[in-house]
N, C-alpha and C. Protein backbone atom coordinates (compact mmCIF):
# COMPACT_ATOMS: atom_id res chain seq x y z
N MET A 1 -4.41 -57.62 1.87
CA MET A 1 -5.24 -57.20 0.76
C MET A 1 -5.23 -55.67 0.61
N LEU A 2 -5.40 -54.94 1.72
CA LEU A 2 -5.40 -53.48 1.67
C LEU A 2 -4.04 -52.96 1.22
N LYS A 3 -2.97 -53.61 1.70
CA LYS A 3 -1.61 -53.21 1.32
C LYS A 3 -1.43 -53.33 -0.20
N LYS A 4 -1.94 -54.42 -0.79
CA LYS A 4 -1.82 -54.61 -2.24
C LYS A 4 -2.58 -53.53 -3.00
N VAL A 5 -3.77 -53.20 -2.54
CA VAL A 5 -4.57 -52.16 -3.19
C VAL A 5 -3.86 -50.82 -3.12
N VAL A 6 -3.33 -50.49 -1.95
CA VAL A 6 -2.61 -49.22 -1.79
C VAL A 6 -1.39 -49.19 -2.72
N LEU A 7 -0.64 -50.28 -2.79
CA LEU A 7 0.53 -50.34 -3.67
C LEU A 7 0.14 -50.20 -5.14
N ILE A 8 -0.95 -50.83 -5.53
CA ILE A 8 -1.41 -50.71 -6.92
C ILE A 8 -1.82 -49.27 -7.22
N VAL A 9 -2.54 -48.63 -6.30
CA VAL A 9 -2.97 -47.24 -6.50
C VAL A 9 -1.75 -46.32 -6.57
N VAL A 10 -0.82 -46.46 -5.63
CA VAL A 10 0.39 -45.63 -5.63
C VAL A 10 1.21 -45.89 -6.90
N GLY A 11 1.34 -47.16 -7.29
CA GLY A 11 2.08 -47.50 -8.50
C GLY A 11 1.44 -46.90 -9.75
N THR A 12 0.13 -46.94 -9.82
CA THR A 12 -0.57 -46.40 -10.98
C THR A 12 -0.47 -44.87 -11.03
N ILE A 13 -0.59 -44.22 -9.89
CA ILE A 13 -0.44 -42.76 -9.84
C ILE A 13 0.98 -42.38 -10.24
N SER A 14 1.98 -43.09 -9.73
CA SER A 14 3.36 -42.76 -10.09
C SER A 14 3.63 -43.06 -11.56
N LEU A 15 2.98 -44.08 -12.11
CA LEU A 15 3.11 -44.36 -13.54
C LEU A 15 2.55 -43.20 -14.36
N LEU A 16 1.36 -42.74 -14.02
CA LEU A 16 0.76 -41.62 -14.74
C LEU A 16 1.62 -40.35 -14.64
N LEU A 17 2.11 -40.06 -13.44
CA LEU A 17 2.97 -38.89 -13.26
C LEU A 17 4.29 -39.07 -14.02
N GLY A 18 4.82 -40.29 -14.03
CA GLY A 18 6.04 -40.58 -14.77
C GLY A 18 5.87 -40.38 -16.26
N ILE A 19 4.73 -40.81 -16.78
CA ILE A 19 4.44 -40.62 -18.21
C ILE A 19 4.30 -39.14 -18.52
N ILE A 20 3.63 -38.40 -17.65
CA ILE A 20 3.53 -36.95 -17.83
C ILE A 20 4.93 -36.34 -17.79
N GLY A 21 5.79 -36.87 -16.90
CA GLY A 21 7.15 -36.37 -16.76
C GLY A 21 8.01 -36.57 -18.00
N VAL A 22 7.64 -37.53 -18.85
CA VAL A 22 8.36 -37.71 -20.11
C VAL A 22 8.20 -36.46 -20.97
N PHE A 23 7.03 -35.87 -20.92
CA PHE A 23 6.73 -34.69 -21.74
C PHE A 23 6.91 -33.38 -21.00
N LEU A 24 6.87 -33.44 -19.68
CA LEU A 24 7.01 -32.26 -18.84
C LEU A 24 8.19 -32.49 -17.89
N PRO A 25 9.40 -32.10 -18.31
CA PRO A 25 10.61 -32.48 -17.58
C PRO A 25 10.72 -32.01 -16.14
N VAL A 26 9.78 -31.23 -15.65
CA VAL A 26 9.85 -30.81 -14.25
C VAL A 26 9.61 -32.01 -13.33
N LEU A 27 8.78 -32.94 -13.77
CA LEU A 27 8.51 -34.13 -12.97
C LEU A 27 9.66 -35.13 -13.11
N PRO A 28 10.07 -35.75 -12.02
CA PRO A 28 11.19 -36.70 -12.06
C PRO A 28 10.76 -38.07 -12.61
N THR A 29 10.81 -38.23 -13.90
CA THR A 29 10.30 -39.42 -14.58
C THR A 29 10.88 -40.71 -14.03
N THR A 30 12.20 -40.82 -14.01
CA THR A 30 12.83 -42.08 -13.62
C THR A 30 12.48 -42.50 -12.20
N PRO A 31 12.60 -41.62 -11.20
CA PRO A 31 12.22 -42.05 -9.85
C PRO A 31 10.75 -42.46 -9.74
N LEU A 32 9.88 -41.76 -10.46
CA LEU A 32 8.46 -42.13 -10.43
C LEU A 32 8.24 -43.51 -11.05
N LEU A 33 8.92 -43.79 -12.15
CA LEU A 33 8.77 -45.10 -12.79
C LEU A 33 9.44 -46.21 -11.97
N LEU A 34 10.51 -45.88 -11.26
CA LEU A 34 11.10 -46.86 -10.34
C LEU A 34 10.12 -47.18 -9.21
N LEU A 35 9.42 -46.16 -8.72
CA LEU A 35 8.39 -46.38 -7.71
C LEU A 35 7.27 -47.25 -8.26
N THR A 36 6.87 -47.00 -9.50
CA THR A 36 5.85 -47.83 -10.14
C THR A 36 6.29 -49.29 -10.17
N SER A 37 7.52 -49.52 -10.62
CA SER A 37 8.05 -50.87 -10.71
C SER A 37 8.04 -51.55 -9.33
N TYR A 38 8.51 -50.84 -8.32
CA TYR A 38 8.55 -51.39 -6.96
C TYR A 38 7.13 -51.75 -6.48
N CYS A 39 6.21 -50.81 -6.66
CA CYS A 39 4.83 -51.04 -6.19
C CYS A 39 4.19 -52.23 -6.90
N TYR A 40 4.39 -52.32 -8.21
CA TYR A 40 3.80 -53.41 -8.97
C TYR A 40 4.44 -54.75 -8.63
N ILE A 41 5.75 -54.77 -8.42
CA ILE A 41 6.44 -56.01 -8.05
C ILE A 41 5.92 -56.52 -6.71
N LYS A 42 5.68 -55.62 -5.77
CA LYS A 42 5.22 -55.99 -4.44
C LYS A 42 3.73 -56.31 -4.36
N SER A 43 2.96 -55.90 -5.40
CA SER A 43 1.51 -56.07 -5.28
C SER A 43 0.88 -56.99 -6.32
N SER A 44 1.39 -57.01 -7.54
CA SER A 44 0.69 -57.74 -8.60
C SER A 44 1.68 -58.23 -9.66
N ASP A 45 1.79 -59.55 -9.76
CA ASP A 45 2.65 -60.14 -10.78
C ASP A 45 2.18 -59.74 -12.18
N ARG A 46 0.87 -59.72 -12.37
CA ARG A 46 0.31 -59.40 -13.68
C ARG A 46 0.65 -57.96 -14.09
N LEU A 47 0.44 -57.00 -13.20
CA LEU A 47 0.77 -55.60 -13.51
C LEU A 47 2.27 -55.41 -13.68
N SER A 48 3.05 -56.09 -12.86
CA SER A 48 4.50 -56.00 -12.96
C SER A 48 4.99 -56.51 -14.32
N GLU A 49 4.48 -57.65 -14.73
CA GLU A 49 4.87 -58.22 -16.04
C GLU A 49 4.43 -57.30 -17.18
N LYS A 50 3.21 -56.76 -17.10
CA LYS A 50 2.74 -55.83 -18.14
C LYS A 50 3.62 -54.60 -18.22
N PHE A 51 3.96 -54.04 -17.06
CA PHE A 51 4.80 -52.85 -17.02
C PHE A 51 6.19 -53.15 -17.61
N MET A 52 6.74 -54.31 -17.28
CA MET A 52 8.08 -54.67 -17.75
C MET A 52 8.13 -54.91 -19.26
N LYS A 53 7.00 -55.04 -19.91
CA LYS A 53 6.95 -55.25 -21.35
C LYS A 53 6.76 -53.95 -22.12
N THR A 54 6.70 -52.83 -21.42
CA THR A 54 6.45 -51.55 -22.09
C THR A 54 7.75 -50.89 -22.54
N LYS A 55 7.63 -50.01 -23.53
CA LYS A 55 8.79 -49.25 -24.01
C LYS A 55 9.29 -48.28 -22.94
N ILE A 56 8.37 -47.74 -22.17
CA ILE A 56 8.76 -46.78 -21.13
C ILE A 56 9.62 -47.48 -20.07
N TYR A 57 9.30 -48.74 -19.76
CA TYR A 57 10.12 -49.51 -18.82
C TYR A 57 11.50 -49.73 -19.41
N ASP A 58 11.54 -50.14 -20.68
CA ASP A 58 12.82 -50.38 -21.35
C ASP A 58 13.71 -49.14 -21.32
N LYS A 59 13.12 -48.00 -21.60
CA LYS A 59 13.90 -46.77 -21.72
C LYS A 59 14.34 -46.21 -20.37
N TYR A 60 13.47 -46.23 -19.37
CA TYR A 60 13.75 -45.52 -18.13
C TYR A 60 14.08 -46.40 -16.92
N VAL A 61 13.69 -47.66 -16.94
CA VAL A 61 13.80 -48.46 -15.72
C VAL A 61 14.69 -49.70 -15.88
N ARG A 62 14.70 -50.34 -17.04
CA ARG A 62 15.36 -51.65 -17.21
C ARG A 62 16.81 -51.66 -16.71
N ASN A 63 17.65 -50.73 -17.16
CA ASN A 63 19.04 -50.73 -16.72
C ASN A 63 19.15 -50.61 -15.21
N PHE A 64 18.35 -49.74 -14.64
CA PHE A 64 18.40 -49.56 -13.19
C PHE A 64 17.95 -50.84 -12.49
N HIS A 65 16.88 -51.42 -12.97
CA HIS A 65 16.32 -52.62 -12.35
C HIS A 65 17.26 -53.81 -12.49
N GLU A 66 17.85 -53.99 -13.67
CA GLU A 66 18.68 -55.16 -13.91
C GLU A 66 20.14 -54.96 -13.50
N LYS A 67 20.66 -53.74 -13.64
CA LYS A 67 22.08 -53.50 -13.37
C LYS A 67 22.34 -52.54 -12.23
N GLY A 68 21.28 -51.99 -11.67
CA GLY A 68 21.43 -51.11 -10.51
C GLY A 68 21.90 -49.71 -10.83
N GLY A 69 21.75 -49.27 -12.09
CA GLY A 69 22.20 -47.93 -12.43
C GLY A 69 21.80 -47.53 -13.84
N MET A 70 22.38 -46.42 -14.29
CA MET A 70 22.12 -45.90 -15.64
C MET A 70 23.45 -45.57 -16.29
N THR A 71 23.44 -45.51 -17.61
CA THR A 71 24.63 -45.08 -18.34
C THR A 71 24.83 -43.58 -18.12
N LEU A 72 26.06 -43.12 -18.30
CA LEU A 72 26.33 -41.69 -18.19
C LEU A 72 25.52 -40.92 -19.21
N LYS A 73 25.42 -41.45 -20.41
CA LYS A 73 24.63 -40.80 -21.46
C LYS A 73 23.17 -40.67 -21.02
N GLY A 74 22.62 -41.72 -20.45
CA GLY A 74 21.24 -41.68 -19.97
C GLY A 74 21.05 -40.64 -18.88
N LYS A 75 21.99 -40.59 -17.95
CA LYS A 75 21.91 -39.60 -16.88
C LYS A 75 21.94 -38.18 -17.45
N LEU A 76 22.87 -37.95 -18.38
CA LEU A 76 22.99 -36.61 -18.95
C LEU A 76 21.77 -36.24 -19.78
N MET A 77 21.22 -37.21 -20.52
CA MET A 77 20.04 -36.95 -21.35
C MET A 77 18.82 -36.62 -20.49
N LEU A 78 18.81 -37.07 -19.26
CA LEU A 78 17.70 -36.75 -18.35
C LEU A 78 17.98 -35.50 -17.53
N THR A 79 19.23 -35.23 -17.22
CA THR A 79 19.56 -34.13 -16.32
C THR A 79 19.71 -32.79 -17.04
N ILE A 80 20.37 -32.77 -18.18
CA ILE A 80 20.66 -31.50 -18.86
C ILE A 80 19.40 -30.75 -19.30
N PRO A 81 18.46 -31.40 -20.02
CA PRO A 81 17.25 -30.65 -20.42
C PRO A 81 16.45 -30.12 -19.23
N VAL A 82 16.36 -30.92 -18.19
CA VAL A 82 15.61 -30.49 -17.00
C VAL A 82 16.33 -29.31 -16.34
N SER A 83 17.64 -29.39 -16.25
CA SER A 83 18.40 -28.29 -15.64
C SER A 83 18.21 -27.00 -16.42
N LEU A 84 18.23 -27.08 -17.73
CA LEU A 84 18.02 -25.89 -18.56
C LEU A 84 16.62 -25.32 -18.36
N MET A 85 15.63 -26.19 -18.34
CA MET A 85 14.27 -25.73 -18.15
C MET A 85 14.09 -25.09 -16.77
N LEU A 86 14.66 -25.71 -15.74
CA LEU A 86 14.56 -25.15 -14.40
C LEU A 86 15.30 -23.81 -14.31
N LEU A 87 16.41 -23.69 -15.01
CA LEU A 87 17.14 -22.42 -15.02
C LEU A 87 16.29 -21.31 -15.65
N ILE A 88 15.64 -21.64 -16.77
CA ILE A 88 14.76 -20.66 -17.42
C ILE A 88 13.62 -20.26 -16.49
N MET A 89 13.03 -21.26 -15.83
CA MET A 89 11.95 -20.95 -14.88
C MET A 89 12.47 -20.08 -13.74
N PHE A 90 13.67 -20.41 -13.23
CA PHE A 90 14.27 -19.65 -12.14
C PHE A 90 14.45 -18.19 -12.54
N ILE A 91 14.90 -17.95 -13.77
CA ILE A 91 15.13 -16.58 -14.25
C ILE A 91 13.81 -15.84 -14.46
N LYS A 92 12.80 -16.52 -14.99
CA LYS A 92 11.52 -15.88 -15.35
C LYS A 92 10.62 -15.61 -14.15
N ILE A 93 10.71 -16.42 -13.12
CA ILE A 93 9.79 -16.31 -11.98
C ILE A 93 10.33 -15.32 -10.95
N ASP A 94 9.45 -14.44 -10.48
CA ASP A 94 9.85 -13.41 -9.53
C ASP A 94 9.69 -13.85 -8.06
N SER A 95 8.92 -14.86 -7.82
CA SER A 95 8.63 -15.29 -6.45
C SER A 95 9.84 -16.01 -5.84
N SER A 96 10.28 -15.50 -4.68
CA SER A 96 11.43 -16.13 -4.02
C SER A 96 11.09 -17.53 -3.51
N ILE A 97 9.85 -17.73 -3.12
CA ILE A 97 9.41 -19.06 -2.67
C ILE A 97 9.47 -20.06 -3.83
N MET A 98 8.97 -19.64 -4.99
CA MET A 98 9.01 -20.53 -6.15
C MET A 98 10.45 -20.77 -6.60
N ARG A 99 11.29 -19.77 -6.49
CA ARG A 99 12.71 -19.96 -6.83
C ARG A 99 13.35 -20.98 -5.88
N MET A 100 12.98 -20.92 -4.62
CA MET A 100 13.50 -21.87 -3.66
C MET A 100 13.03 -23.29 -4.00
N VAL A 101 11.78 -23.43 -4.39
CA VAL A 101 11.25 -24.73 -4.80
C VAL A 101 12.02 -25.25 -6.03
N ILE A 102 12.29 -24.39 -6.98
CA ILE A 102 13.03 -24.78 -8.18
C ILE A 102 14.43 -25.25 -7.80
N VAL A 103 15.10 -24.53 -6.93
CA VAL A 103 16.45 -24.93 -6.50
C VAL A 103 16.40 -26.28 -5.79
N ILE A 104 15.42 -26.48 -4.92
CA ILE A 104 15.28 -27.76 -4.22
C ILE A 104 15.04 -28.89 -5.21
N MET A 105 14.18 -28.66 -6.21
CA MET A 105 13.93 -29.68 -7.24
C MET A 105 15.21 -30.01 -8.00
N TRP A 106 15.97 -28.99 -8.37
CA TRP A 106 17.20 -29.20 -9.13
C TRP A 106 18.23 -29.97 -8.30
N VAL A 107 18.41 -29.55 -7.05
CA VAL A 107 19.37 -30.22 -6.17
C VAL A 107 18.96 -31.68 -5.96
N ALA A 108 17.67 -31.94 -5.74
CA ALA A 108 17.20 -33.31 -5.55
C ALA A 108 17.51 -34.16 -6.78
N LYS A 109 17.27 -33.62 -7.96
CA LYS A 109 17.52 -34.36 -9.19
C LYS A 109 19.01 -34.64 -9.36
N VAL A 110 19.85 -33.65 -9.11
CA VAL A 110 21.30 -33.83 -9.24
C VAL A 110 21.80 -34.85 -8.22
N VAL A 111 21.35 -34.75 -6.99
CA VAL A 111 21.77 -35.69 -5.95
C VAL A 111 21.32 -37.11 -6.33
N PHE A 112 20.08 -37.26 -6.80
CA PHE A 112 19.57 -38.58 -7.18
C PHE A 112 20.45 -39.21 -8.25
N PHE A 113 20.75 -38.45 -9.31
CA PHE A 113 21.53 -39.01 -10.42
C PHE A 113 23.01 -39.16 -10.06
N THR A 114 23.53 -38.33 -9.16
CA THR A 114 24.92 -38.46 -8.74
C THR A 114 25.11 -39.72 -7.89
N LYS A 115 24.18 -39.98 -7.02
CA LYS A 115 24.29 -41.15 -6.14
C LYS A 115 24.00 -42.45 -6.89
N MET A 116 23.26 -42.38 -7.98
CA MET A 116 22.94 -43.57 -8.75
C MET A 116 24.20 -44.12 -9.42
N LYS A 117 24.33 -45.41 -9.39
CA LYS A 117 25.48 -46.09 -10.03
C LYS A 117 25.50 -45.79 -11.54
N THR A 118 26.69 -45.50 -12.05
CA THR A 118 26.86 -45.30 -13.49
C THR A 118 27.37 -46.59 -14.09
N ILE A 119 26.62 -47.13 -15.05
CA ILE A 119 27.01 -48.39 -15.69
C ILE A 119 27.59 -48.11 -17.06
N LYS A 120 28.38 -49.03 -17.55
CA LYS A 120 28.98 -48.88 -18.88
C LYS A 120 27.96 -49.18 -19.96
N GLU A 121 28.07 -48.41 -21.03
CA GLU A 121 27.18 -48.63 -22.17
C GLU A 121 27.63 -49.87 -22.92
N VAL A 122 26.68 -50.72 -23.26
CA VAL A 122 27.00 -51.91 -24.03
C VAL A 122 27.05 -51.52 -25.49
N GLY A 123 28.17 -51.77 -26.15
CA GLY A 123 28.32 -51.41 -27.57
C GLY A 123 27.47 -52.29 -28.47
N ASN A 124 27.13 -51.74 -29.63
CA ASN A 124 26.36 -52.51 -30.61
C ASN A 124 27.29 -53.51 -31.29
N VAL A 125 26.95 -54.77 -31.20
CA VAL A 125 27.78 -55.82 -31.76
C VAL A 125 27.23 -56.28 -33.08
């Protein structure tokens, strides 16, 4: 019972952070929403089904969940804007500690998307 509650709380927090990440590209939206999906699947059928019916699930999680990866276009659409924003932050910020954090965030994002399987885009029929 406690494990389910913890998973629901973690899933809900990661969902909220993932939604914020849609608008604030510094947050890693896709990994947070994948965590949400995992937590909900392991804790609550009802929450999992509700989450799977959302547009945010369709856009960020469905391909990964069903096919184990993302299209190259999807990867680039998530990586390029974030990389540009992090580069601007890196240039504007004078703190070496904050610059190191930015580099770590960028490397983590690139490694995550590089290791993720690239699936073929299904053409419109």
